Amino acid sequence: MRRVGVGMAGWLVVGIGVILMPLPGPGTVLVLGGLSLLQHEYPWAGRVLRRLRARTGVLGRWIKTRPTSGPPD
């Protein structure tokens, strides 16, 4: 019963996150939250979540280190 409940909640959160992706809102956060729920029951969800976390870390470092170009003086 617990496994079914966790699975349904995880898929619901992932689905809502995917729907909210093109709209302004927390779509990405909801997808990551849904995957974190699903990882407790499904090993593949944990692998996907680890890959996404690694990618977001790389993206964050790239954003911090890229040169900022302001208006020309």
C-alpha atoms as a PDB file:
ATOM      1  CA  MET A   1       0.000   0.000   0.000  1.00  0.00           C
ATOM      2  CA  ARG A   2       2.844   2.370   0.885  1.00  0.00           C
ATOM      3  CA  ARG A   3       4.653   1.666  -2.375  1.00  0.00           C
ATOM      4  CA  VAL A   4       1.556   2.449  -4.416  1.00  0.00           C
ATOM      5  CA  GLY A   5       0.987   5.688  -2.494  1.00  0.00           C
ATOM      6  CA  VAL A   6       4.576   6.864  -2.863  1.00  0.00           C
ATOM      7  CA  GLY A   7       4.555   5.956  -6.556  1.00  0.00           C
ATOM      8  CA  MET A   8       1.309   7.798  -7.219  1.00  0.00           C
ATOM      9  CA  ALA A   9       2.460  10.884  -5.313  1.00  0.00           C
ATOM     10  CA  GLY A  10       5.818  10.890  -7.113  1.00  0.00           C
ATOM     11  CA  TRP A  11       4.263  10.566 -10.557  1.00  0.00           C
ATOM     12  CA  LEU A  12       1.705  13.248  -9.736  1.00  0.00           C
ATOM     13  CA  VAL A  13       4.423  15.701  -8.677  1.00  0.00           C
ATOM     14  CA  VAL A  14       6.547  14.882 -11.750  1.00  0.00           C
ATOM     15  CA  GLY A  15       3.524  15.340 -14.027  1.00  0.00           C
ATOM     16  CA  ILE A  16       2.625  18.701 -12.542  1.00  0.00           C
ATOM     17  CA  GLY A  17       6.278  19.760 -12.842  1.00  0.00           C
ATOM     18  CA  VAL A  18       6.402  18.803 -16.515  1.00  0.00           C
ATOM     19  CA  ILE A  19       3.211  20.756 -17.181  1.00  0.00           C
ATOM     20  CA  LEU A  20       4.661  23.819 -15.419  1.00  0.00           C
ATOM     21  CA  MET A  21       8.001  23.701 -17.266  1.00  0.00           C
ATOM     22  CA  PRO A  22       7.052  26.166 -20.049  1.00  0.00           C
ATOM     23  CA  LEU A  23       5.164  28.409 -17.635  1.00  0.00           C
ATOM     24  CA  PRO A  24       6.742  30.699 -15.073  1.00  0.00           C
ATOM     25  CA  GLY A  25       6.828  28.655 -11.935  1.00  0.00           C
ATOM     26  CA  PRO A  26       8.650  25.913 -10.099  1.00  0.00           C
ATOM     27  CA  GLY A  27       8.439  23.229 -12.810  1.00  0.00           C
ATOM     28  CA  THR A  28      12.031  22.035 -12.472  1.00  0.00           C
ATOM     29  CA  VAL A  29      11.841  21.971  -8.689  1.00  0.00           C
ATOM     30  CA  LEU A  30       8.677  19.877  -8.825  1.00  0.00           C
ATOM     31  CA  VAL A  31      10.219  17.386 -11.254  1.00  0.00           C
ATOM     32  CA  LEU A  32      13.251  16.994  -8.979  1.00  0.00           C
ATOM     33  CA  GLY A  33      10.944  16.633  -5.966  1.00  0.00           C
ATOM     34  CA  GLY A  34       8.875  13.976  -7.702  1.00  0.00           C
ATOM     35  CA  LEU A  35      11.994  12.061  -8.684  1.00  0.00           C
ATOM     36  CA  SER A  36      13.225  12.219  -5.116  1.00  0.00           C
ATOM     37  CA  LEU A  37       9.958  10.601  -4.026  1.00  0.00           C
ATOM     38  CA  LEU A  38      10.180   7.963  -6.741  1.00  0.00           C
ATOM     39  CA  GLN A  39      13.797   7.066  -5.936  1.00  0.00           C
ATOM     40  CA  HIS A  40      12.641   5.391  -2.718  1.00  0.00           C
ATOM     41  CA  GLU A  41      10.754   2.789  -4.730  1.00  0.00           C
ATOM     42  CA  TYR A  42      12.434   2.736  -8.144  1.00  0.00           C
ATOM     43  CA  PRO A  43      16.237   2.495  -8.611  1.00  0.00           C
ATOM     44  CA  TRP A  44      16.089   4.114 -12.065  1.00  0.00           C
ATOM     45  CA  ALA A  45      14.641   7.292 -10.566  1.00  0.00           C
ATOM     46  CA  GLY A  46      17.659   7.595  -8.282  1.00  0.00           C
ATOM     47  CA  ARG A  47      20.022   7.264 -11.230  1.00  0.00           C
ATOM     48  CA  VAL A  48      18.132   9.921 -13.210  1.00  0.00           C
ATOM     49  CA  LEU A  49      18.099  12.231 -10.193  1.00  0.00           C
ATOM     50  CA  ARG A  50      21.858  11.867  -9.676  1.00  0.00           C
ATOM     51  CA  ARG A  51      22.494  12.690 -13.349  1.00  0.00           C
ATOM     52  CA  LEU A  52      20.227  15.736 -13.207  1.00  0.00           C
ATOM     53  CA  ARG A  53      21.889  16.977 -10.033  1.00  0.00           C
ATOM     54  CA  ALA A  54      25.298  16.604 -11.664  1.00  0.00           C
ATOM     55  CA  ARG A  55      24.091  18.503 -14.743  1.00  0.00           C
ATOM     56  CA  THR A  56      22.582  21.325 -12.702  1.00  0.00           C
ATOM     57  CA  GLY A  57      25.849  21.638 -10.780  1.00  0.00           C
ATOM     58  CA  VAL A  58      27.785  21.990 -14.026  1.00  0.00           C
ATOM     59  CA  LEU A  59      25.277  24.534 -15.311  1.00  0.00           C
ATOM     60  CA  GLY A  60      25.464  26.544 -12.091  1.00  0.00           C
ATOM     61  CA  ARG A  61      29.266  26.651 -12.208  1.00  0.00           C
ATOM     62  CA  TRP A  62      29.142  27.720 -15.862  1.00  0.00           C
ATOM     63  CA  ILE A  63      26.729  30.552 -15.086  1.00  0.00           C
ATOM     64  CA  LYS A  64      28.916  31.776 -12.209  1.00  0.00           C
ATOM     65  CA  THR A  65      32.135  31.741 -14.233  1.00  0.00           C
ATOM     66  CA  ARG A  66      30.949  33.141 -17.558  1.00  0.00           C
ATOM     67  CA  PRO A  67      32.039  36.692 -18.237  1.00  0.00           C
ATOM     68  CA  THR A  68      29.396  39.326 -17.850  1.00  0.00           C
ATOM     69  CA  SER A  69      29.091  41.777 -20.658  1.00  0.00           C
ATOM     70  CA  GLY A  70      27.649  45.094 -19.688  1.00  0.00           C
ATOM     71  CA  PRO A  71      26.721  47.954 -21.924  1.00  0.00           C
ATOM     72  CA  PRO A  72      29.642  49.419 -23.890  1.00  0.00           C
ATOM     73  CA  ASP A  73      31.252  52.473 -22.337  1.00  0.00           C
END
